[in-house]
Amino acid sequence: MEQRVSLITLGTQDMDAQATFYEALGWQRVDTPDGVIAFDLLGQTLGLYPIAALADDIGLTVDDLGRGAMTLGHNVPSKAEVDGLLARAKAAGARILKPAADVFWGGYHGYFADPEGHIWEIAWNPFSPLGTDGAFQWNGAA
C-alpha cells in the first residue's frame, strides 16, 4: 500500500451546513453526483456524505460509527488492485467490513478496519483516474 490518502469522507448529519462551513473557510466544491459533496485538496479530496448512507454502505449502524465518523479512502488504478489490497490488509490483521464489490455509481470498492478500528475504503473509480504519480482528484488527475 502506497503511503498516501486519496479521499477523506466525513459522515455528516447535515450536508448543507457542513458544506457551508467548508465554503466559509474558502474551499470550493467540485462537480459531484447527487448525495455527495466534494472539495479537492492538495493531492486528496474531502468528501461529505450522509452519515446514514455511509453506515448503510459499510454495513454498520449509525450508532456503531459514532459521532464524527469518517473513512480514509485509498484509490487504486484497477479493480484487481482493490481485491489485492484488501487481501493484504486482512493478512496484516485488518477486519474486512465489506468485501470488494461494484458500486451503484460505477466504481468498485471494499472496506476494512485496522487493528484499532479506523475504517479504510479501498476503491477504483473509473471517473477519477489517478495521475502518473498516484495523485487523486475527484474528476481525475491531470
N, C-alpha and C. Protein backbone atom coordinates (compact mmCIF):
# COMPACT_ATOMS: atom_id res chain seq x y z
N MET A 1 0.84 -1.17 0.00
CA MET A 1 0.00 0.00 0.00
C MET A 1 0.89 1.24 0.00
N GLU A 2 0.67 2.13 -0.97
CA GLU A 2 1.45 3.36 -1.02
C GLU A 2 1.11 4.25 0.17
N GLN A 3 2.05 5.06 0.58
CA GLN A 3 1.90 5.91 1.76
C GLN A 3 1.19 7.21 1.37
N ARG A 4 -0.16 7.12 1.21
CA ARG A 4 -0.95 8.29 0.84
C ARG A 4 -2.40 8.04 1.19
N VAL A 5 -3.16 9.11 1.31
CA VAL A 5 -4.60 9.06 1.50
C VAL A 5 -5.23 9.75 0.29
N SER A 6 -6.21 9.11 -0.35
CA SER A 6 -6.84 9.66 -1.55
C SER A 6 -8.07 10.49 -1.23
N LEU A 7 -8.94 9.94 -0.40
CA LEU A 7 -10.24 10.57 -0.16
C LEU A 7 -10.57 10.47 1.33
N ILE A 8 -10.90 11.59 1.93
CA ILE A 8 -11.34 11.63 3.32
C ILE A 8 -12.85 11.87 3.28
N THR A 9 -13.63 10.91 3.78
CA THR A 9 -15.09 11.02 3.77
C THR A 9 -15.58 11.26 5.19
N LEU A 10 -16.31 12.33 5.37
CA LEU A 10 -16.88 12.64 6.68
C LEU A 10 -18.37 12.33 6.65
N GLY A 11 -18.80 11.43 7.52
CA GLY A 11 -20.22 11.14 7.65
C GLY A 11 -20.89 12.32 8.35
N THR A 12 -21.89 12.92 7.71
CA THR A 12 -22.48 14.14 8.27
C THR A 12 -23.98 14.02 8.45
N GLN A 13 -24.48 14.66 9.49
CA GLN A 13 -25.92 14.73 9.75
C GLN A 13 -26.58 15.76 8.85
N ASP A 14 -25.91 16.88 8.61
CA ASP A 14 -26.48 17.99 7.85
C ASP A 14 -25.50 18.40 6.76
N MET A 15 -25.71 17.84 5.56
CA MET A 15 -24.80 18.07 4.44
C MET A 15 -24.66 19.56 4.11
N ASP A 16 -25.79 20.26 4.05
CA ASP A 16 -25.74 21.68 3.67
C ASP A 16 -24.96 22.51 4.68
N ALA A 17 -25.19 22.27 5.97
CA ALA A 17 -24.48 23.02 7.00
C ALA A 17 -22.99 22.74 6.94
N GLN A 18 -22.62 21.48 6.73
CA GLN A 18 -21.20 21.13 6.64
C GLN A 18 -20.56 21.79 5.42
N ALA A 19 -21.26 21.74 4.28
CA ALA A 19 -20.72 22.36 3.06
C ALA A 19 -20.55 23.86 3.27
N THR A 20 -21.52 24.48 3.90
CA THR A 20 -21.45 25.92 4.17
C THR A 20 -20.24 26.24 5.04
N PHE A 21 -19.97 25.39 6.02
CA PHE A 21 -18.81 25.58 6.89
C PHE A 21 -17.52 25.57 6.07
N TYR A 22 -17.31 24.54 5.25
CA TYR A 22 -16.07 24.44 4.47
C TYR A 22 -15.97 25.55 3.43
N GLU A 23 -17.11 25.95 2.86
CA GLU A 23 -17.10 27.06 1.91
C GLU A 23 -16.74 28.36 2.63
N ALA A 24 -17.15 28.49 3.88
CA ALA A 24 -16.78 29.67 4.66
C ALA A 24 -15.29 29.72 4.93
N LEU A 25 -14.64 28.57 4.90
CA LEU A 25 -13.18 28.53 5.06
C LEU A 25 -12.46 28.88 3.76
N GLY A 26 -13.23 29.06 2.69
CA GLY A 26 -12.64 29.40 1.40
C GLY A 26 -12.52 28.24 0.44
N TRP A 27 -13.02 27.06 0.83
CA TRP A 27 -12.95 25.90 -0.04
C TRP A 27 -14.02 25.99 -1.12
N GLN A 28 -13.74 25.39 -2.27
CA GLN A 28 -14.68 25.39 -3.38
C GLN A 28 -15.07 23.97 -3.74
N ARG A 29 -16.37 23.77 -3.93
CA ARG A 29 -16.88 22.44 -4.32
C ARG A 29 -16.45 22.10 -5.73
N VAL A 30 -16.37 20.79 -5.99
CA VAL A 30 -16.20 20.28 -7.35
C VAL A 30 -17.48 19.57 -7.74
N ASP A 31 -17.70 19.40 -9.04
CA ASP A 31 -18.90 18.71 -9.51
C ASP A 31 -18.94 17.29 -8.98
N THR A 32 -20.12 16.89 -8.47
CA THR A 32 -20.30 15.54 -7.93
C THR A 32 -21.70 15.07 -8.25
N PRO A 33 -21.93 13.74 -8.17
CA PRO A 33 -23.31 13.27 -8.29
C PRO A 33 -24.12 13.66 -7.06
N ASP A 34 -25.45 13.63 -7.19
CA ASP A 34 -26.32 13.95 -6.05
C ASP A 34 -25.97 13.06 -4.87
N GLY A 35 -26.06 13.62 -3.67
CA GLY A 35 -25.82 12.86 -2.45
C GLY A 35 -24.40 12.91 -1.96
N VAL A 36 -23.51 13.55 -2.70
CA VAL A 36 -22.10 13.67 -2.32
C VAL A 36 -21.69 15.12 -2.51
N ILE A 37 -20.89 15.64 -1.61
CA ILE A 37 -20.29 16.96 -1.76
C ILE A 37 -18.79 16.75 -1.63
N ALA A 38 -18.00 17.32 -2.55
CA ALA A 38 -16.56 17.11 -2.52
C ALA A 38 -15.80 18.42 -2.70
N PHE A 39 -14.66 18.48 -2.04
CA PHE A 39 -13.72 19.60 -2.15
C PHE A 39 -12.35 19.00 -2.45
N ASP A 40 -11.77 19.34 -3.61
CA ASP A 40 -10.41 18.86 -3.89
C ASP A 40 -9.41 19.58 -3.00
N LEU A 41 -8.49 18.81 -2.45
CA LEU A 41 -7.41 19.33 -1.63
C LEU A 41 -6.11 19.18 -2.42
N LEU A 42 -5.01 19.40 -1.79
CA LEU A 42 -3.72 19.18 -2.45
C LEU A 42 -3.39 17.69 -2.41
N GLY A 43 -3.74 16.98 -3.48
CA GLY A 43 -3.46 15.55 -3.55
C GLY A 43 -4.53 14.66 -2.95
N GLN A 44 -5.54 15.24 -2.32
CA GLN A 44 -6.64 14.47 -1.77
C GLN A 44 -7.94 15.19 -2.06
N THR A 45 -9.04 14.53 -1.71
CA THR A 45 -10.35 15.15 -1.78
C THR A 45 -11.05 14.91 -0.45
N LEU A 46 -11.72 15.93 0.05
CA LEU A 46 -12.56 15.78 1.24
C LEU A 46 -13.98 15.61 0.75
N GLY A 47 -14.62 14.51 1.12
CA GLY A 47 -15.99 14.25 0.73
C GLY A 47 -16.93 14.30 1.92
N LEU A 48 -18.09 14.91 1.72
CA LEU A 48 -19.15 14.91 2.74
C LEU A 48 -20.23 13.96 2.24
N TYR A 49 -20.70 13.08 3.13
CA TYR A 49 -21.65 12.04 2.75
C TYR A 49 -22.62 11.85 3.90
N PRO A 50 -23.89 11.66 3.62
CA PRO A 50 -24.85 11.47 4.72
C PRO A 50 -24.43 10.30 5.62
N ILE A 51 -24.42 10.53 6.91
CA ILE A 51 -23.93 9.50 7.84
C ILE A 51 -24.77 8.23 7.77
N ALA A 52 -26.08 8.34 7.57
CA ALA A 52 -26.91 7.13 7.47
C ALA A 52 -26.55 6.32 6.22
N ALA A 53 -26.28 7.01 5.13
CA ALA A 53 -25.89 6.32 3.89
C ALA A 53 -24.51 5.69 4.04
N LEU A 54 -23.60 6.38 4.74
CA LEU A 54 -22.27 5.83 4.98
C LEU A 54 -22.35 4.56 5.82
N ALA A 55 -23.12 4.62 6.89
CA ALA A 55 -23.30 3.43 7.74
C ALA A 55 -23.88 2.28 6.95
N ASP A 56 -24.91 2.55 6.14
CA ASP A 56 -25.54 1.53 5.32
C ASP A 56 -24.55 0.94 4.32
N ASP A 57 -23.73 1.78 3.69
CA ASP A 57 -22.76 1.31 2.71
C ASP A 57 -21.74 0.36 3.32
N ILE A 58 -21.31 0.66 4.55
CA ILE A 58 -20.32 -0.17 5.23
C ILE A 58 -20.97 -1.42 5.84
N GLY A 59 -22.26 -1.34 6.16
CA GLY A 59 -22.95 -2.46 6.79
C GLY A 59 -22.98 -2.36 8.30
N LEU A 60 -22.90 -1.13 8.82
CA LEU A 60 -22.95 -0.88 10.26
C LEU A 60 -24.14 0.02 10.56
N THR A 61 -24.43 0.21 11.83
CA THR A 61 -25.45 1.18 12.22
C THR A 61 -24.77 2.53 12.43
N VAL A 62 -25.57 3.58 12.42
CA VAL A 62 -25.02 4.91 12.70
C VAL A 62 -24.42 4.94 14.10
N ASP A 63 -25.06 4.26 15.06
CA ASP A 63 -24.51 4.21 16.42
C ASP A 63 -23.14 3.54 16.45
N ASP A 64 -22.95 2.49 15.62
CA ASP A 64 -21.64 1.84 15.55
C ASP A 64 -20.56 2.79 15.03
N LEU A 65 -20.95 3.68 14.11
CA LEU A 65 -19.97 4.64 13.59
C LEU A 65 -19.62 5.69 14.63
N GLY A 66 -20.58 6.08 15.42
CA GLY A 66 -20.34 7.10 16.44
C GLY A 66 -20.34 8.50 15.86
N ARG A 67 -20.10 9.45 16.70
CA ARG A 67 -20.09 10.86 16.30
C ARG A 67 -18.76 11.19 15.64
N GLY A 68 -18.81 11.96 14.58
CA GLY A 68 -17.58 12.33 13.88
C GLY A 68 -17.03 11.20 13.03
N ALA A 69 -17.90 10.29 12.61
CA ALA A 69 -17.47 9.14 11.82
C ALA A 69 -16.84 9.57 10.51
N MET A 70 -15.81 8.83 10.08
CA MET A 70 -15.17 9.09 8.81
C MET A 70 -14.49 7.83 8.31
N THR A 71 -14.20 7.81 7.03
CA THR A 71 -13.39 6.75 6.45
C THR A 71 -12.19 7.39 5.77
N LEU A 72 -11.11 6.67 5.70
CA LEU A 72 -9.95 7.10 4.95
C LEU A 72 -9.97 6.33 3.63
N GLY A 73 -9.97 7.05 2.52
CA GLY A 73 -10.05 6.40 1.22
C GLY A 73 -8.70 6.30 0.54
N HIS A 74 -8.43 5.14 -0.03
CA HIS A 74 -7.20 4.91 -0.79
C HIS A 74 -7.62 4.39 -2.15
N ASN A 75 -7.42 5.20 -3.19
CA ASN A 75 -7.81 4.80 -4.54
C ASN A 75 -6.65 4.14 -5.26
N VAL A 76 -6.99 3.15 -6.06
CA VAL A 76 -6.02 2.39 -6.84
C VAL A 76 -6.44 2.41 -8.30
N PRO A 77 -5.52 2.07 -9.22
CA PRO A 77 -5.83 2.19 -10.64
C PRO A 77 -6.65 1.07 -11.26
N SER A 78 -7.00 0.02 -10.51
CA SER A 78 -7.76 -1.08 -11.12
C SER A 78 -8.58 -1.83 -10.08
N LYS A 79 -9.61 -2.55 -10.57
CA LYS A 79 -10.41 -3.40 -9.69
C LYS A 79 -9.54 -4.46 -9.02
N ALA A 80 -8.65 -5.06 -9.79
CA ALA A 80 -7.80 -6.12 -9.26
C ALA A 80 -6.97 -5.64 -8.07
N GLU A 81 -6.54 -4.39 -8.13
CA GLU A 81 -5.74 -3.86 -7.02
C GLU A 81 -6.58 -3.64 -5.77
N VAL A 82 -7.87 -3.38 -5.93
CA VAL A 82 -8.77 -3.30 -4.76
C VAL A 82 -8.76 -4.65 -4.05
N ASP A 83 -8.98 -5.73 -4.82
CA ASP A 83 -9.01 -7.07 -4.24
C ASP A 83 -7.69 -7.43 -3.58
N GLY A 84 -6.58 -7.13 -4.26
CA GLY A 84 -5.27 -7.46 -3.73
C GLY A 84 -4.94 -6.72 -2.45
N LEU A 85 -5.31 -5.46 -2.40
CA LEU A 85 -5.00 -4.66 -1.21
C LEU A 85 -5.87 -5.07 -0.02
N LEU A 86 -7.14 -5.41 -0.28
CA LEU A 86 -7.98 -5.91 0.81
C LEU A 86 -7.42 -7.22 1.37
N ALA A 87 -6.96 -8.09 0.50
CA ALA A 87 -6.35 -9.35 0.95
C ALA A 87 -5.09 -9.09 1.76
N ARG A 88 -4.30 -8.16 1.30
CA ARG A 88 -3.06 -7.81 2.03
C ARG A 88 -3.39 -7.22 3.40
N ALA A 89 -4.41 -6.36 3.45
CA ALA A 89 -4.81 -5.77 4.73
C ALA A 89 -5.29 -6.85 5.70
N LYS A 90 -6.10 -7.79 5.19
CA LYS A 90 -6.59 -8.87 6.04
C LYS A 90 -5.43 -9.70 6.58
N ALA A 91 -4.48 -9.98 5.72
CA ALA A 91 -3.31 -10.77 6.14
C ALA A 91 -2.49 -10.03 7.20
N ALA A 92 -2.55 -8.71 7.18
CA ALA A 92 -1.80 -7.90 8.14
C ALA A 92 -2.56 -7.69 9.44
N GLY A 93 -3.80 -8.19 9.53
CA GLY A 93 -4.56 -8.10 10.77
C GLY A 93 -5.80 -7.24 10.70
N ALA A 94 -6.15 -6.74 9.52
CA ALA A 94 -7.36 -5.93 9.38
C ALA A 94 -8.60 -6.81 9.42
N ARG A 95 -9.72 -6.20 9.78
CA ARG A 95 -11.02 -6.86 9.73
C ARG A 95 -11.74 -6.33 8.50
N ILE A 96 -12.11 -7.22 7.60
CA ILE A 96 -12.84 -6.82 6.39
C ILE A 96 -14.28 -6.50 6.80
N LEU A 97 -14.69 -5.26 6.57
CA LEU A 97 -16.05 -4.83 6.90
C LEU A 97 -17.00 -5.05 5.74
N LYS A 98 -16.50 -4.87 4.53
CA LYS A 98 -17.30 -5.07 3.33
C LYS A 98 -16.36 -5.56 2.23
N PRO A 99 -16.57 -6.79 1.75
CA PRO A 99 -15.72 -7.27 0.66
C PRO A 99 -15.89 -6.39 -0.58
N ALA A 100 -14.90 -6.38 -1.43
CA ALA A 100 -14.95 -5.57 -2.64
C ALA A 100 -16.16 -5.95 -3.49
N ALA A 101 -16.81 -4.91 -4.03
CA ALA A 101 -17.99 -5.11 -4.87
C ALA A 101 -18.19 -3.89 -5.76
N ASP A 102 -18.92 -4.10 -6.85
CA ASP A 102 -19.31 -2.98 -7.70
C ASP A 102 -20.22 -2.05 -6.91
N VAL A 103 -20.13 -0.74 -7.22
CA VAL A 103 -20.90 0.28 -6.52
C VAL A 103 -21.88 0.93 -7.50
N PHE A 104 -23.01 1.39 -6.99
CA PHE A 104 -24.06 1.98 -7.83
C PHE A 104 -23.57 3.09 -8.74
N TRP A 105 -22.54 3.81 -8.34
CA TRP A 105 -22.07 4.95 -9.14
C TRP A 105 -21.06 4.54 -10.22
N GLY A 106 -20.73 3.25 -10.31
CA GLY A 106 -19.87 2.77 -11.39
C GLY A 106 -18.48 2.35 -10.98
N GLY A 107 -18.15 2.51 -9.73
CA GLY A 107 -16.82 2.11 -9.26
C GLY A 107 -16.84 0.74 -8.61
N TYR A 108 -15.79 0.45 -7.87
CA TYR A 108 -15.59 -0.84 -7.21
C TYR A 108 -14.85 -0.56 -5.92
N HIS A 109 -15.37 -1.07 -4.79
CA HIS A 109 -14.71 -0.77 -3.52
C HIS A 109 -15.04 -1.80 -2.45
N GLY A 110 -14.26 -1.74 -1.37
CA GLY A 110 -14.48 -2.53 -0.18
C GLY A 110 -13.94 -1.77 1.01
N TYR A 111 -14.27 -2.23 2.22
CA TYR A 111 -13.85 -1.54 3.44
C TYR A 111 -13.16 -2.50 4.40
N PHE A 112 -12.17 -1.99 5.12
CA PHE A 112 -11.57 -2.74 6.22
C PHE A 112 -11.35 -1.82 7.40
N ALA A 113 -11.27 -2.43 8.59
CA ALA A 113 -10.92 -1.69 9.80
C ALA A 113 -9.53 -2.13 10.23
N ASP A 114 -8.67 -1.17 10.53
CA ASP A 114 -7.33 -1.52 11.01
C ASP A 114 -7.45 -2.11 12.41
N PRO A 115 -6.37 -2.58 12.99
CA PRO A 115 -6.47 -3.23 14.31
C PRO A 115 -7.09 -2.38 15.41
N GLU A 116 -7.07 -1.05 15.28
CA GLU A 116 -7.69 -0.20 16.29
C GLU A 116 -9.06 0.31 15.86
N GLY A 117 -9.55 -0.15 14.72
CA GLY A 117 -10.90 0.18 14.29
C GLY A 117 -11.05 1.32 13.31
N HIS A 118 -9.94 1.94 12.87
CA HIS A 118 -10.05 3.01 11.87
C HIS A 118 -10.46 2.40 10.54
N ILE A 119 -11.43 3.03 9.89
CA ILE A 119 -12.02 2.44 8.69
C ILE A 119 -11.39 3.01 7.43
N TRP A 120 -10.96 2.10 6.55
CA TRP A 120 -10.39 2.45 5.26
C TRP A 120 -11.29 1.93 4.15
N GLU A 121 -11.48 2.77 3.13
CA GLU A 121 -12.14 2.34 1.90
C GLU A 121 -11.06 2.19 0.84
N ILE A 122 -11.02 1.04 0.18
CA ILE A 122 -10.11 0.82 -0.94
C ILE A 122 -10.99 0.83 -2.19
N ALA A 123 -10.67 1.73 -3.13
CA ALA A 123 -11.59 1.95 -4.24
C ALA A 123 -10.89 2.11 -5.58
N TRP A 124 -11.60 1.70 -6.62
CA TRP A 124 -11.26 2.03 -8.00
C TRP A 124 -12.41 2.88 -8.52
N ASN A 125 -12.08 4.06 -9.05
CA ASN A 125 -13.09 4.98 -9.55
C ASN A 125 -12.78 5.28 -11.02
N PRO A 126 -13.57 4.73 -11.95
CA PRO A 126 -13.28 4.94 -13.37
C PRO A 126 -13.46 6.40 -13.81
N PHE A 127 -14.14 7.21 -13.00
CA PHE A 127 -14.39 8.61 -13.36
C PHE A 127 -13.31 9.54 -12.79
N SER A 128 -12.45 9.01 -11.95
CA SER A 128 -11.38 9.80 -11.34
C SER A 128 -10.06 9.04 -11.46
N PRO A 129 -9.55 8.88 -12.69
CA PRO A 129 -8.29 8.14 -12.84
C PRO A 129 -7.16 8.85 -12.10
N LEU A 130 -6.26 8.05 -11.54
CA LEU A 130 -5.12 8.59 -10.82
C LEU A 130 -4.10 9.16 -11.79
N GLY A 131 -3.35 10.16 -11.34
CA GLY A 131 -2.26 10.69 -12.14
C GLY A 131 -1.11 9.70 -12.19
N THR A 132 -0.12 9.99 -13.02
CA THR A 132 1.03 9.08 -13.14
C THR A 132 1.80 8.95 -11.84
N ASP A 133 1.68 9.95 -10.96
CA ASP A 133 2.35 9.89 -9.66
C ASP A 133 1.44 9.32 -8.57
N GLY A 134 0.25 8.82 -8.96
CA GLY A 134 -0.69 8.28 -7.98
C GLY A 134 -1.61 9.31 -7.38
N ALA A 135 -1.50 10.58 -7.82
CA ALA A 135 -2.33 11.64 -7.27
C ALA A 135 -3.79 11.42 -7.62
N PHE A 136 -4.66 11.71 -6.67
CA PHE A 136 -6.11 11.58 -6.83
C PHE A 136 -6.73 12.96 -6.84
N GLN A 137 -7.67 13.17 -7.74
CA GLN A 137 -8.56 14.31 -7.71
C GLN A 137 -9.92 13.82 -8.12
N TRP A 138 -10.96 14.43 -7.60
CA TRP A 138 -12.31 13.91 -7.76
C TRP A 138 -12.65 13.60 -9.21
N ASN A 139 -12.36 14.47 -10.14
CA ASN A 139 -12.70 14.25 -11.54
C ASN A 139 -11.50 13.79 -12.37
N GLY A 140 -10.49 13.25 -11.72
CA GLY A 140 -9.32 12.71 -12.42
C GLY A 140 -8.16 13.68 -12.40
N ALA A 141 -6.98 13.14 -12.15
CA ALA A 141 -5.77 13.96 -12.10
C ALA A 141 -5.33 14.31 -13.52
N ALA A 142 -4.77 15.48 -13.66
CA ALA A 142 -4.31 15.93 -14.98
C ALA A 142 -2.95 15.34 -15.30
